[in-house]
Structures are given as C-alpha cells and as structure tokens.
Amino acid sequence: MSALRLVHENLHEVGVDGRRVLLHVPTSALFELDAVAGAVLDRCRQSATVAAADLERRFAGELDADAVAATVQEFLQLDLLRDAAAITPPRPPVTIHDYPLSTLVLNVDTGCNLACHYCYKEDLARPAAGRRMTLATAERGVDLLLQQAGDRRRVNLVFFGGEPLLALDLIRQVTDYAERRCAESGTALDLSLTTNATLLDDATIDWLDAHRFGLTVSIDGPAAAHDRHRRSVGGGGTHALVSAKARRLLERYRARPVGARVTLAAGNTDVVAIHRHLRDELGFFEVGFAPVTAADDDRLRLDDAELATVFAGLRELADDYLAAALADRNSGFSNMHQVITDLHEGTRKVLPCGAGLGMLALDGGGDLHLCHRFVGTEMPAFGSVEHGIDRARLGRFLETAAARDGSDCATCRIRHLCAGGCYHEAYARHGDPLQPTLHYCTLMRDWIDLGLEVYARILEHNPDFLVRHVAPRRGLS
C-alpha cells in the first residue's frame, strides 16, 4: 500500500493525569498510548494521508524503527489506519434473525394516586378510573414470555403502572402463577417493580421481600425538590409520606438492594443535594437521574442553562464516585456506574436498549409494545398475547433502527455506547421513535468522556474495584 489514512471515526483520545488514553470506538476498549503510538498518531493527524516509509524516516534517530513499524501494523489491525487507495465497502445491513424474549413489563393498572407534572404516561388515570389488567391477560403474558424465551434459562417479569401497587392483589396472583410456571419449566425468575412508595406497609414489604423483588422507588430528592413536581391528586406535596415509607422499606427490606429513580424536570437541578439526601440520609443503595429533555409541556423541559447546571452536578458526583472507588467503595451513583460497567464489559451496542430486542411491554388490553413508555401512545403495537409477537414488523423496526449509515450516528465516537438514544425520547420530541435524539448529543459525548476519565483513573489506581463492584452488578438487577 502506498499511503495510509487515519480513520478518525474509529478513535477518540482523552487526556487523563498527563496520560494519553485512546477509546477504540469499534470495540469500546481503552488503550494507553505510549510514546511511539502517540507520536505515530500525531503524525497521521497532520495530513490526509501518510506513507509507512515516511513514518519510519520521520522518526529515524528518535524512535526505534521496529517499534514504529509494529505500531503501524497494530493501528492497521485495529482499523485506526487504512489503505488510502482502498474503497471502504458499505457496512452490510444488520439482520436480526433471533431475539428471544427475556423481559416482559406488565402494565397492571393505568391508575395512579399521584399527579406528577411530568408524567409521560398518556393513558394515566386517577385510581378510580384506572384500567386494570385482567388475571387472564397477565397469565397469557407469562406464558408468552416462557414460550419466547428460547434457550434463556432466566426471565424477568416487571410490574409497572400507573402505580402498580394499586393492583397488589393482581400482582400477588400473577407472581404465584409465574413462579409455578417457571418452576415447571426449570426457568429462573426475576421479579421487579417500580413504585412511588405511598402504598407500602409492613405486610406488603414483607411479601415483596419474600419473593425477592428488585425494587425501585420514584423520588425526586429533599422536600423542596420532590414536591415541586411530584404532587398528590389534590395538589399537595408528597415528600413527607414518600420519605417516611421509603425509610420503613429500607429498614425492613433485605432481599436485594433498593434503588431510587429521580426525574429532573424544570427547576429541579441540584443533583448533588438530591443524591446526598437519597443516599446518605434515606439510605438508598443507588440513585439514578433521568433528565427531562422531551415533554408535551415545554415548561417541564430542562433548558440549556439547566442542563449545564445538571451536568456540573453530575461531574461533582462523578468525582465523589471516583474518590469512593479509589477507597474501594461504591458511592451509589448509578448513572456513572452504568458507564463504568459498559466500558469494563466492552459494550458494543447496535441498538440503544433492549426494547424490542429481549424486552416488550404488555398493556391491559393484551397488546405488546416496544417498552413500557409506549403503552397508551398511538404507536402501533407489535403483536398481542392472543396472536403472538409480530416478528416481521418488529424485525423491520429493529433493523431500521440499527441502520445508521448516512446519519449523524454513523461516525459518532459514542455510537456503540449510545446507538442513537431512547426511542421514546425521539417519539416524544419528534413523533418518530427512529429519529436520533440529536438535541443532547453533545451532552452525551461529554458524559462518556467523563466516564472515560473516571474509568482510566480506576484502572490505574484501584483495578480491584472493578472486580468487586462492577463485575457482580448484573446479578443485582
């Protein structure tokens, strides 16, 4: 080959404590550049093409010639360098042949006893008007999950709403049925539930504990932050009740760690104070933040200034996460922990999440949706418990979602860690679940860069943290 060109879209460099760390975009692997690799990379960046012989002449007397040649070969193998004369063939289209179901979300009741301002649920109703799933529909959903699990020996059943505990009697019945059916088929069963905590009592907590539910509580922080948007149907604040119920839950629950989910809507941006309240004062195992960047009411969206404030707070929490990791502790900042997990496991996404690819959501009428966020929307369903999964339509959707050539995502440095962003975020903002969520791409790239810095420092100073706190994480969820 006469000349080489740098494949810019396959690499991204960050500086960490004077070290040059390279993200290999195709594999999400990290490499530390030594003096030779750094010099070769810098030279390749100076012009559109460069000849291998020119590199050896350029560094003659400065760098070992064999080391330069070996580095060039390694860059070629990693597809960081390519033959400049070669025509790069288009990537073959992604075809999805097999996508066994591993998770089914049951939307057991559309009713909710709260009236949170930012709720995205388009089918939300007050408790008395809530539409409850029938036991027969839920049982057929369990049967479908087991039928479509393929070779998977573990499945996950998620109870969602509205407020799912309004249908506790149904949840109990479905749990009994699912546990019996899974025992018959030799399939392990995980149970999960997201709740606003207001309906928890000791008997309910003990029953959930006995069945080892993975629990997440929706709570937005201290009273001033929480009560801003998480209101009762009558308009009053709910923090006093929710925090009291959460304390009781955390005192009594032993089966699995309990997490908190925070929604950051307009005016609620002090993520550091929120995290410290939920983690240090109430005692949640981990806290995750979900910024509102798409909403029917523009007044609920975080504006650019608020997003900047949120990101500054997330950076401070990332510093806390790093300090804790170096002391061999997990600070419970789940957003950063997920990034560290993805980098450590070499995550290489083709699709943004498991929606449709292992996970579907079942509504009260028996229809199957891409995920729980699409229940109640006008987006057509992907089958039903009566007729099964519409695999032809679902396959076309997923293959279209995976085809990013020609889009902004195709050459983005975080394309395998983001893969286009949340379908529902795109649907809410653009009316199209396949539209890339470009409105927060810069924020996402900055967030991944921050994760790269944190991960590189952990690798350098306490890699055992990754063994003790990251590798086992999949078993907690």
Foldseek 3Di string as FASTA:
>chain_A
DFKKAFQVLQWDWDDFPNWIWIQRQQQLAIDTDDPLLVVVVVVRVPDGIGGLVVSLVVCVVPDDSVVNVVSVVVCVVSVRMDDPPDDDDDDDFDFDDAFFAAEEEEAFKLAAQWDFPFDLFQSHDHLVPIDGADLVLLLLVLVQNVVRRPPAQEHEYEYHYNARVSVVVSVVVSLVSNVVVSVVVNHHYAYEYEHCLLPDDPVVLVVCQVSLYAYEHEAAAPQVQRQVGTGGPVNGGCCVRSLVSLLVSVVRHDRFFYEYEHEAWPPRQQVQRRLCCVCVVSNGQAYEYDADQFGPDPNGHQDPVSVVSNLVNVLVVLVVQLVQVLVLHGSRHVVLLVLLLCSVVSQFALAQDCQLRNYWYAYSVFFIDSHPSCVNPPDDTQGGSVGHGVCVVSSVVSSLLSPQPPHPLPSHSCCRVGSQHALVRCCRHPVGSSHRPVPCPVVVVVVSSSSVNSNVVCVVRPVVSCVVPRVCVVVRD
